[in-house]
Amino acid sequence: MKAFDELCREFEQLDAVSYTALLAEKSAKILPALRAVTGNGIDGTALFAAFVLGAVAADGKLSEEEYLLCYPLLHAFFGDDVNYDDCKDAAKHLRSESRAFKKSLDEIVDFLGLLSDDLKNEIVLVALMICAIDGKVSPKEKNWIKKLVR
């Protein structure tokens, strides 16, 4: 548990340039691996987008920092129609639909169980990065991440 808290603090202190570079590096590894697992590029991208949105909505709030970090992926997936206010509303809605959110989380956890440990670790690190972008990994976000690694 101590190592997890230290990792949270490390990501909470990263600057925006480091976040962007690290997220690009992780995405460059994760997306092709997910595409290979699903056998379909679109499904792999959709899985990663859903996972990113789950990380963003883990605490039921969407900070502007989280949105800006995720914007390139969200834009690539949803096109020009994506904006901060719509994503903020979607995060609130997803969290308020607790039964649907729990089902989505269960499906993500089940899917992660099918992946190699290395790929699973990379995906969980991306989730932690997204949760920490606003400078604080909240208790709700920590609980969400812990469920991913069970």
N, C-alpha and C. Protein backbone atom coordinates (compact mmCIF):
# COMPACT_ATOMS: atom_id res chain seq x y z
N MET A 1 0.82 -1.20 0.00
CA MET A 1 0.00 0.00 0.00
C MET A 1 0.87 1.26 0.00
N LYS A 2 1.98 1.19 0.74
CA LYS A 2 2.87 2.34 0.79
C LYS A 2 3.44 2.67 -0.59
N ALA A 3 3.79 1.63 -1.35
CA ALA A 3 4.33 1.84 -2.70
C ALA A 3 3.28 2.49 -3.60
N PHE A 4 2.01 2.10 -3.44
CA PHE A 4 0.93 2.69 -4.24
C PHE A 4 0.79 4.17 -3.91
N ASP A 5 0.81 4.52 -2.64
CA ASP A 5 0.69 5.93 -2.24
C ASP A 5 1.87 6.75 -2.75
N GLU A 6 3.07 6.16 -2.72
CA GLU A 6 4.24 6.86 -3.25
C GLU A 6 4.12 7.08 -4.75
N LEU A 7 3.61 6.09 -5.46
CA LEU A 7 3.40 6.23 -6.90
C LEU A 7 2.36 7.32 -7.19
N CYS A 8 1.31 7.37 -6.39
CA CYS A 8 0.31 8.43 -6.54
C CYS A 8 0.96 9.80 -6.37
N ARG A 9 1.77 9.96 -5.33
CA ARG A 9 2.44 11.24 -5.09
C ARG A 9 3.36 11.61 -6.24
N GLU A 10 4.06 10.62 -6.78
CA GLU A 10 4.97 10.87 -7.90
C GLU A 10 4.20 11.41 -9.11
N PHE A 11 3.07 10.78 -9.43
CA PHE A 11 2.28 11.25 -10.57
C PHE A 11 1.59 12.57 -10.28
N GLU A 12 1.22 12.82 -9.04
CA GLU A 12 0.59 14.10 -8.68
C GLU A 12 1.54 15.27 -8.90
N GLN A 13 2.84 15.01 -8.85
CA GLN A 13 3.83 16.07 -8.97
C GLN A 13 4.40 16.25 -10.37
N LEU A 14 3.98 15.42 -11.32
CA LEU A 14 4.48 15.55 -12.69
C LEU A 14 3.98 16.84 -13.33
N ASP A 15 4.82 17.45 -14.14
CA ASP A 15 4.40 18.65 -14.88
C ASP A 15 3.68 18.23 -16.17
N ALA A 16 3.00 19.19 -16.80
CA ALA A 16 2.17 18.91 -17.97
C ALA A 16 2.98 18.33 -19.13
N VAL A 17 4.19 18.82 -19.34
CA VAL A 17 5.02 18.32 -20.44
C VAL A 17 5.38 16.85 -20.20
N SER A 18 5.73 16.51 -18.98
CA SER A 18 6.07 15.13 -18.65
C SER A 18 4.86 14.22 -18.79
N TYR A 19 3.68 14.71 -18.34
CA TYR A 19 2.45 13.93 -18.51
C TYR A 19 2.20 13.61 -19.97
N THR A 20 2.29 14.64 -20.80
CA THR A 20 2.01 14.47 -22.21
C THR A 20 2.97 13.47 -22.85
N ALA A 21 4.25 13.61 -22.55
CA ALA A 21 5.24 12.70 -23.13
C ALA A 21 5.03 11.26 -22.64
N LEU A 22 4.79 11.10 -21.36
CA LEU A 22 4.60 9.76 -20.80
C LEU A 22 3.31 9.13 -21.31
N LEU A 23 2.25 9.93 -21.40
CA LEU A 23 0.99 9.39 -21.91
C LEU A 23 1.12 8.97 -23.37
N ALA A 24 1.83 9.77 -24.17
CA ALA A 24 2.05 9.41 -25.57
C ALA A 24 2.86 8.12 -25.67
N GLU A 25 3.87 7.99 -24.83
CA GLU A 25 4.70 6.78 -24.83
C GLU A 25 3.86 5.55 -24.45
N LYS A 26 3.06 5.68 -23.41
CA LYS A 26 2.22 4.55 -22.95
C LYS A 26 1.17 4.20 -24.01
N SER A 27 0.54 5.22 -24.58
CA SER A 27 -0.50 4.99 -25.60
C SER A 27 0.08 4.29 -26.82
N ALA A 28 1.32 4.65 -27.18
CA ALA A 28 1.97 4.04 -28.33
C ALA A 28 2.20 2.54 -28.10
N LYS A 29 2.30 2.11 -26.85
CA LYS A 29 2.45 0.69 -26.54
C LYS A 29 1.09 0.01 -26.38
N ILE A 30 0.17 0.71 -25.72
CA ILE A 30 -1.12 0.11 -25.36
C ILE A 30 -2.03 -0.09 -26.57
N LEU A 31 -2.18 0.93 -27.40
CA LEU A 31 -3.13 0.84 -28.51
C LEU A 31 -2.82 -0.32 -29.46
N PRO A 32 -1.59 -0.48 -29.93
CA PRO A 32 -1.32 -1.63 -30.81
C PRO A 32 -1.56 -2.97 -30.10
N ALA A 33 -1.23 -3.04 -28.83
CA ALA A 33 -1.43 -4.30 -28.09
C ALA A 33 -2.92 -4.60 -27.96
N LEU A 34 -3.73 -3.60 -27.67
CA LEU A 34 -5.18 -3.82 -27.58
C LEU A 34 -5.77 -4.19 -28.94
N ARG A 35 -5.27 -3.56 -29.97
CA ARG A 35 -5.74 -3.90 -31.32
C ARG A 35 -5.41 -5.35 -31.65
N ALA A 36 -4.23 -5.79 -31.22
CA ALA A 36 -3.83 -7.18 -31.47
C ALA A 36 -4.70 -8.15 -30.67
N VAL A 37 -5.01 -7.80 -29.45
CA VAL A 37 -5.84 -8.66 -28.60
C VAL A 37 -7.25 -8.79 -29.16
N THR A 38 -7.81 -7.66 -29.62
CA THR A 38 -9.18 -7.69 -30.13
C THR A 38 -9.25 -8.16 -31.56
N GLY A 39 -8.12 -8.06 -32.29
CA GLY A 39 -8.11 -8.44 -33.69
C GLY A 39 -8.79 -7.41 -34.57
N ASN A 40 -9.10 -6.27 -33.99
CA ASN A 40 -9.82 -5.23 -34.72
C ASN A 40 -9.35 -3.88 -34.20
N GLY A 41 -8.77 -3.07 -35.05
CA GLY A 41 -8.24 -1.77 -34.64
C GLY A 41 -9.26 -0.87 -33.98
N ILE A 42 -10.48 -0.90 -34.50
CA ILE A 42 -11.53 -0.04 -33.95
C ILE A 42 -11.90 -0.47 -32.54
N ASP A 43 -12.07 -1.77 -32.34
CA ASP A 43 -12.42 -2.25 -31.01
C ASP A 43 -11.32 -1.95 -30.00
N GLY A 44 -10.06 -2.09 -30.38
CA GLY A 44 -8.95 -1.78 -29.49
C GLY A 44 -8.94 -0.32 -29.11
N THR A 45 -9.18 0.55 -30.09
CA THR A 45 -9.24 1.99 -29.82
C THR A 45 -10.43 2.31 -28.94
N ALA A 46 -11.58 1.70 -29.22
CA ALA A 46 -12.78 1.93 -28.42
C ALA A 46 -12.58 1.48 -26.98
N LEU A 47 -11.92 0.35 -26.78
CA LEU A 47 -11.63 -0.13 -25.43
C LEU A 47 -10.76 0.86 -24.68
N PHE A 48 -9.74 1.37 -25.36
CA PHE A 48 -8.84 2.32 -24.70
C PHE A 48 -9.59 3.61 -24.38
N ALA A 49 -10.42 4.09 -25.31
CA ALA A 49 -11.20 5.30 -25.06
C ALA A 49 -12.14 5.10 -23.88
N ALA A 50 -12.81 3.95 -23.82
CA ALA A 50 -13.71 3.66 -22.70
C ALA A 50 -12.95 3.61 -21.39
N PHE A 51 -11.77 3.04 -21.44
CA PHE A 51 -10.96 2.97 -20.24
C PHE A 51 -10.54 4.36 -19.77
N VAL A 52 -10.13 5.21 -20.71
CA VAL A 52 -9.75 6.58 -20.37
C VAL A 52 -10.93 7.33 -19.77
N LEU A 53 -12.11 7.19 -20.38
CA LEU A 53 -13.29 7.85 -19.83
C LEU A 53 -13.63 7.32 -18.44
N GLY A 54 -13.42 6.03 -18.21
CA GLY A 54 -13.64 5.47 -16.88
C GLY A 54 -12.71 6.09 -15.86
N ALA A 55 -11.45 6.30 -16.23
CA ALA A 55 -10.48 6.94 -15.33
C ALA A 55 -10.88 8.38 -15.05
N VAL A 56 -11.33 9.07 -16.10
CA VAL A 56 -11.75 10.46 -15.94
C VAL A 56 -12.95 10.55 -15.00
N ALA A 57 -13.87 9.60 -15.11
CA ALA A 57 -15.11 9.66 -14.33
C ALA A 57 -15.00 8.97 -12.97
N ALA A 58 -13.84 8.45 -12.63
CA ALA A 58 -13.68 7.66 -11.40
C ALA A 58 -14.14 8.42 -10.16
N ASP A 59 -13.90 9.73 -10.13
CA ASP A 59 -14.34 10.50 -8.96
C ASP A 59 -15.61 11.29 -9.23
N GLY A 60 -16.20 11.11 -10.42
CA GLY A 60 -17.45 11.80 -10.75
C GLY A 60 -17.27 13.23 -11.18
N LYS A 61 -16.01 13.69 -11.25
CA LYS A 61 -15.72 15.06 -11.65
C LYS A 61 -14.72 15.02 -12.80
N LEU A 62 -14.80 16.02 -13.64
CA LEU A 62 -13.84 16.14 -14.72
C LEU A 62 -13.16 17.48 -14.59
N SER A 63 -11.89 17.47 -14.22
CA SER A 63 -11.16 18.73 -14.13
C SER A 63 -10.72 19.14 -15.54
N GLU A 64 -10.45 20.40 -15.70
CA GLU A 64 -10.00 20.88 -17.00
C GLU A 64 -8.66 20.23 -17.37
N GLU A 65 -7.81 19.99 -16.37
CA GLU A 65 -6.52 19.34 -16.63
C GLU A 65 -6.73 17.93 -17.18
N GLU A 66 -7.68 17.17 -16.58
CA GLU A 66 -7.97 15.83 -17.08
C GLU A 66 -8.47 15.89 -18.52
N TYR A 67 -9.36 16.83 -18.77
CA TYR A 67 -9.91 16.98 -20.11
C TYR A 67 -8.81 17.30 -21.13
N LEU A 68 -7.95 18.26 -20.80
CA LEU A 68 -6.90 18.66 -21.73
C LEU A 68 -5.92 17.52 -21.98
N LEU A 69 -5.62 16.73 -20.95
CA LEU A 69 -4.73 15.59 -21.13
C LEU A 69 -5.36 14.56 -22.06
N CYS A 70 -6.64 14.34 -21.90
CA CYS A 70 -7.34 13.30 -22.65
C CYS A 70 -7.86 13.80 -24.00
N TYR A 71 -7.83 15.09 -24.23
CA TYR A 71 -8.45 15.65 -25.43
C TYR A 71 -7.96 15.00 -26.73
N PRO A 72 -6.65 14.81 -26.93
CA PRO A 72 -6.24 14.20 -28.21
C PRO A 72 -6.89 12.84 -28.46
N LEU A 73 -6.97 12.01 -27.43
CA LEU A 73 -7.61 10.71 -27.60
C LEU A 73 -9.11 10.87 -27.81
N LEU A 74 -9.74 11.73 -27.02
CA LEU A 74 -11.18 11.94 -27.15
C LEU A 74 -11.51 12.51 -28.53
N HIS A 75 -10.71 13.46 -28.99
CA HIS A 75 -10.95 14.07 -30.31
C HIS A 75 -10.79 13.03 -31.41
N ALA A 76 -9.75 12.22 -31.30
CA ALA A 76 -9.52 11.18 -32.31
C ALA A 76 -10.68 10.20 -32.35
N PHE A 77 -11.26 9.92 -31.20
CA PHE A 77 -12.34 8.94 -31.14
C PHE A 77 -13.70 9.54 -31.46
N PHE A 78 -13.99 10.74 -30.93
CA PHE A 78 -15.32 11.34 -31.07
C PHE A 78 -15.40 12.47 -32.09
N GLY A 79 -14.25 12.92 -32.61
CA GLY A 79 -14.27 13.97 -33.63
C GLY A 79 -14.43 15.36 -33.05
N ASP A 80 -14.84 16.29 -33.92
CA ASP A 80 -14.93 17.70 -33.54
C ASP A 80 -16.07 18.00 -32.57
N ASP A 81 -16.97 17.05 -32.37
CA ASP A 81 -18.12 17.30 -31.50
C ASP A 81 -17.77 17.28 -30.02
N VAL A 82 -16.59 16.84 -29.66
CA VAL A 82 -16.22 16.73 -28.25
C VAL A 82 -15.80 18.10 -27.71
N ASN A 83 -16.34 18.45 -26.54
CA ASN A 83 -15.90 19.67 -25.87
C ASN A 83 -15.92 19.45 -24.36
N TYR A 84 -15.30 20.36 -23.64
CA TYR A 84 -15.13 20.20 -22.19
C TYR A 84 -16.46 20.07 -21.47
N ASP A 85 -17.43 20.93 -21.76
CA ASP A 85 -18.70 20.89 -21.05
C ASP A 85 -19.44 19.57 -21.28
N ASP A 86 -19.44 19.08 -22.52
CA ASP A 86 -20.10 17.80 -22.80
C ASP A 86 -19.42 16.64 -22.07
N CYS A 87 -18.09 16.65 -22.06
CA CYS A 87 -17.36 15.59 -21.36
C CYS A 87 -17.58 15.67 -19.85
N LYS A 88 -17.65 16.89 -19.34
CA LYS A 88 -17.90 17.09 -17.92
C LYS A 88 -19.28 16.53 -17.54
N ASP A 89 -20.27 16.83 -18.36
CA ASP A 89 -21.62 16.30 -18.12
C ASP A 89 -21.65 14.78 -18.22
N ALA A 90 -20.92 14.23 -19.20
CA ALA A 90 -20.89 12.77 -19.37
C ALA A 90 -20.24 12.11 -18.15
N ALA A 91 -19.18 12.71 -17.61
CA ALA A 91 -18.52 12.15 -16.43
C ALA A 91 -19.47 12.16 -15.23
N LYS A 92 -20.19 13.26 -15.06
CA LYS A 92 -21.17 13.34 -13.97
C LYS A 92 -22.27 12.31 -14.15
N HIS A 93 -22.75 12.19 -15.38
CA HIS A 93 -23.83 11.25 -15.67
C HIS A 93 -23.38 9.81 -15.42
N LEU A 94 -22.19 9.49 -15.89
CA LEU A 94 -21.67 8.14 -15.72
C LEU A 94 -21.56 7.81 -14.24
N ARG A 95 -21.08 8.74 -13.45
CA ARG A 95 -20.92 8.49 -12.02
C ARG A 95 -22.29 8.40 -11.33
N SER A 96 -23.25 9.22 -11.78
CA SER A 96 -24.57 9.19 -11.15
C SER A 96 -25.33 7.90 -11.47
N GLU A 97 -24.99 7.29 -12.57
CA GLU A 97 -25.58 6.00 -12.94
C GLU A 97 -24.74 4.89 -12.31
N SER A 98 -24.79 4.80 -10.99
CA SER A 98 -23.86 3.94 -10.26
C SER A 98 -23.95 2.47 -10.70
N ARG A 99 -25.12 1.98 -11.00
CA ARG A 99 -25.25 0.58 -11.41
C ARG A 99 -24.54 0.36 -12.75
N ALA A 100 -24.75 1.27 -13.70
CA ALA A 100 -24.09 1.16 -15.00
C ALA A 100 -22.58 1.34 -14.86
N PHE A 101 -22.17 2.26 -13.98
CA PHE A 101 -20.75 2.51 -13.76
C PHE A 101 -20.10 1.26 -13.17
N LYS A 102 -20.75 0.64 -12.19
CA LYS A 102 -20.21 -0.57 -11.57
C LYS A 102 -20.11 -1.70 -12.60
N LYS A 103 -21.13 -1.83 -13.46
CA LYS A 103 -21.10 -2.87 -14.49
C LYS A 103 -19.93 -2.62 -15.45
N SER A 104 -19.75 -1.35 -15.84
CA SER A 104 -18.63 -1.01 -16.72
C SER A 104 -17.30 -1.33 -16.07
N LEU A 105 -17.18 -1.00 -14.78
CA LEU A 105 -15.96 -1.29 -14.06
C LEU A 105 -15.71 -2.79 -14.02
N ASP A 106 -16.74 -3.56 -13.73
CA ASP A 106 -16.60 -5.02 -13.69
C ASP A 106 -16.15 -5.56 -15.04
N GLU A 107 -16.70 -5.03 -16.13
CA GLU A 107 -16.32 -5.48 -17.47
C GLU A 107 -14.86 -5.11 -17.78
N ILE A 108 -14.45 -3.92 -17.35
CA ILE A 108 -13.06 -3.50 -17.57
C ILE A 108 -12.12 -4.41 -16.78
N VAL A 109 -12.45 -4.67 -15.53
CA VAL A 109 -11.61 -5.55 -14.70
C VAL A 109 -11.53 -6.94 -15.31
N ASP A 110 -12.67 -7.47 -15.77
CA ASP A 110 -12.66 -8.79 -16.41
C ASP A 110 -11.77 -8.78 -17.64
N PHE A 111 -11.88 -7.74 -18.46
CA PHE A 111 -11.07 -7.66 -19.66
C PHE A 111 -9.58 -7.56 -19.31
N LEU A 112 -9.25 -6.74 -18.31
CA LEU A 112 -7.85 -6.61 -17.92
C LEU A 112 -7.26 -7.96 -17.48
N GLY A 113 -8.10 -8.80 -16.90
CA GLY A 113 -7.64 -10.12 -16.47
C GLY A 113 -7.21 -11.00 -17.62
N LEU A 114 -7.65 -10.68 -18.84
CA LEU A 114 -7.28 -11.46 -20.02
C LEU A 114 -5.94 -11.03 -20.62
N LEU A 115 -5.44 -9.90 -20.18
CA LEU A 115 -4.23 -9.33 -20.77
C LEU A 115 -2.98 -9.79 -20.05
N SER A 116 -1.86 -9.63 -20.70
CA SER A 116 -0.58 -9.93 -20.04
C SER A 116 -0.39 -8.96 -18.87
N ASP A 117 0.40 -9.38 -17.91
CA ASP A 117 0.66 -8.52 -16.75
C ASP A 117 1.29 -7.20 -17.17
N ASP A 118 2.20 -7.24 -18.15
CA ASP A 118 2.85 -6.01 -18.60
C ASP A 118 1.84 -5.02 -19.19
N LEU A 119 0.96 -5.51 -20.05
CA LEU A 119 -0.04 -4.63 -20.67
C LEU A 119 -1.02 -4.11 -19.62
N LYS A 120 -1.44 -4.98 -18.74
CA LYS A 120 -2.35 -4.56 -17.67
C LYS A 120 -1.69 -3.46 -16.82
N ASN A 121 -0.43 -3.64 -16.46
CA ASN A 121 0.28 -2.63 -15.67
C ASN A 121 0.37 -1.30 -16.40
N GLU A 122 0.62 -1.35 -17.71
CA GLU A 122 0.69 -0.11 -18.49
C GLU A 122 -0.65 0.62 -18.47
N ILE A 123 -1.73 -0.13 -18.64
CA ILE A 123 -3.07 0.46 -18.65
C ILE A 123 -3.42 1.06 -17.28
N VAL A 124 -3.08 0.36 -16.22
CA VAL A 124 -3.36 0.87 -14.88
C VAL A 124 -2.53 2.13 -14.60
N LEU A 125 -1.29 2.17 -15.08
CA LEU A 125 -0.48 3.38 -14.92
C LEU A 125 -1.10 4.57 -15.65
N VAL A 126 -1.64 4.33 -16.83
CA VAL A 126 -2.32 5.41 -17.56
C VAL A 126 -3.52 5.90 -16.75
N ALA A 127 -4.26 4.99 -16.16
CA ALA A 127 -5.41 5.39 -15.32
C ALA A 127 -4.93 6.25 -14.16
N LEU A 128 -3.86 5.83 -13.53
CA LEU A 128 -3.33 6.61 -12.41
C LEU A 128 -2.87 7.99 -12.87
N MET A 129 -2.23 8.05 -14.02
CA MET A 129 -1.80 9.34 -14.56
C MET A 129 -2.98 10.26 -14.80
N ILE A 130 -4.03 9.74 -15.38
CA ILE A 130 -5.21 10.55 -15.67
C ILE A 130 -5.84 11.04 -14.37
N CYS A 131 -5.91 10.18 -13.39
CA CYS A 131 -6.48 10.57 -12.10
C CYS A 131 -5.63 11.62 -11.40
N ALA A 132 -4.32 11.60 -11.62
CA ALA A 132 -3.40 12.51 -10.91
C ALA A 132 -3.17 13.83 -11.63
N ILE A 133 -3.68 14.00 -12.83
CA ILE A 133 -3.35 15.18 -13.63
C ILE A 133 -3.75 16.50 -12.95
N ASP A 134 -4.79 16.45 -12.12
CA ASP A 134 -5.20 17.68 -11.43
C ASP A 134 -4.43 17.91 -10.14
N GLY A 135 -3.37 17.10 -9.92
CA GLY A 135 -2.50 17.29 -8.77
C GLY A 135 -2.92 16.52 -7.53
N LYS A 136 -3.99 15.74 -7.61
CA LYS A 136 -4.47 15.00 -6.45
C LYS A 136 -5.20 13.75 -6.92
N VAL A 137 -4.79 12.60 -6.41
CA VAL A 137 -5.53 11.36 -6.65
C VAL A 137 -6.48 11.22 -5.46
N SER A 138 -7.75 11.41 -5.72
CA SER A 138 -8.74 11.40 -4.65
C SER A 138 -8.94 9.99 -4.11
N PRO A 139 -9.53 9.86 -2.92
CA PRO A 139 -9.82 8.52 -2.39
C PRO A 139 -10.71 7.70 -3.34
N LYS A 140 -11.69 8.32 -3.99
CA LYS A 140 -12.54 7.59 -4.95
C LYS A 140 -11.71 7.08 -6.12
N GLU A 141 -10.79 7.91 -6.59
CA GLU A 141 -9.93 7.49 -7.71
C GLU A 141 -9.00 6.36 -7.28
N LYS A 142 -8.46 6.45 -6.07
CA LYS A 142 -7.59 5.38 -5.56
C LYS A 142 -8.36 4.07 -5.47
N ASN A 143 -9.58 4.12 -4.98
CA ASN A 143 -10.39 2.91 -4.88
C ASN A 143 -10.67 2.32 -6.25
N TRP A 144 -10.94 3.17 -7.25
CA TRP A 144 -11.19 2.70 -8.61
C TRP A 144 -9.97 1.98 -9.16
N ILE A 145 -8.80 2.58 -8.96
CA ILE A 145 -7.56 1.98 -9.47
C ILE A 145 -7.28 0.66 -8.76
N LYS A 146 -7.50 0.62 -7.45
CA LYS A 146 -7.28 -0.62 -6.70
C LYS A 146 -8.18 -1.75 -7.22
N LYS A 147 -9.40 -1.41 -7.61
CA LYS A 147 -10.30 -2.43 -8.17
C LYS A 147 -9.77 -2.96 -9.49
N LEU A 148 -9.09 -2.11 -10.24
CA LEU A 148 -8.54 -2.55 -11.53
C LEU A 148 -7.45 -3.60 -11.37
N VAL A 149 -6.74 -3.55 -10.28
CA VAL A 149 -5.61 -4.47 -10.12
C VAL A 149 -5.96 -5.72 -9.31
N ARG A 150 -7.20 -5.88 -8.93
CA ARG A 150 -7.58 -7.06 -8.15
C ARG A 150 -7.51 -8.32 -8.96
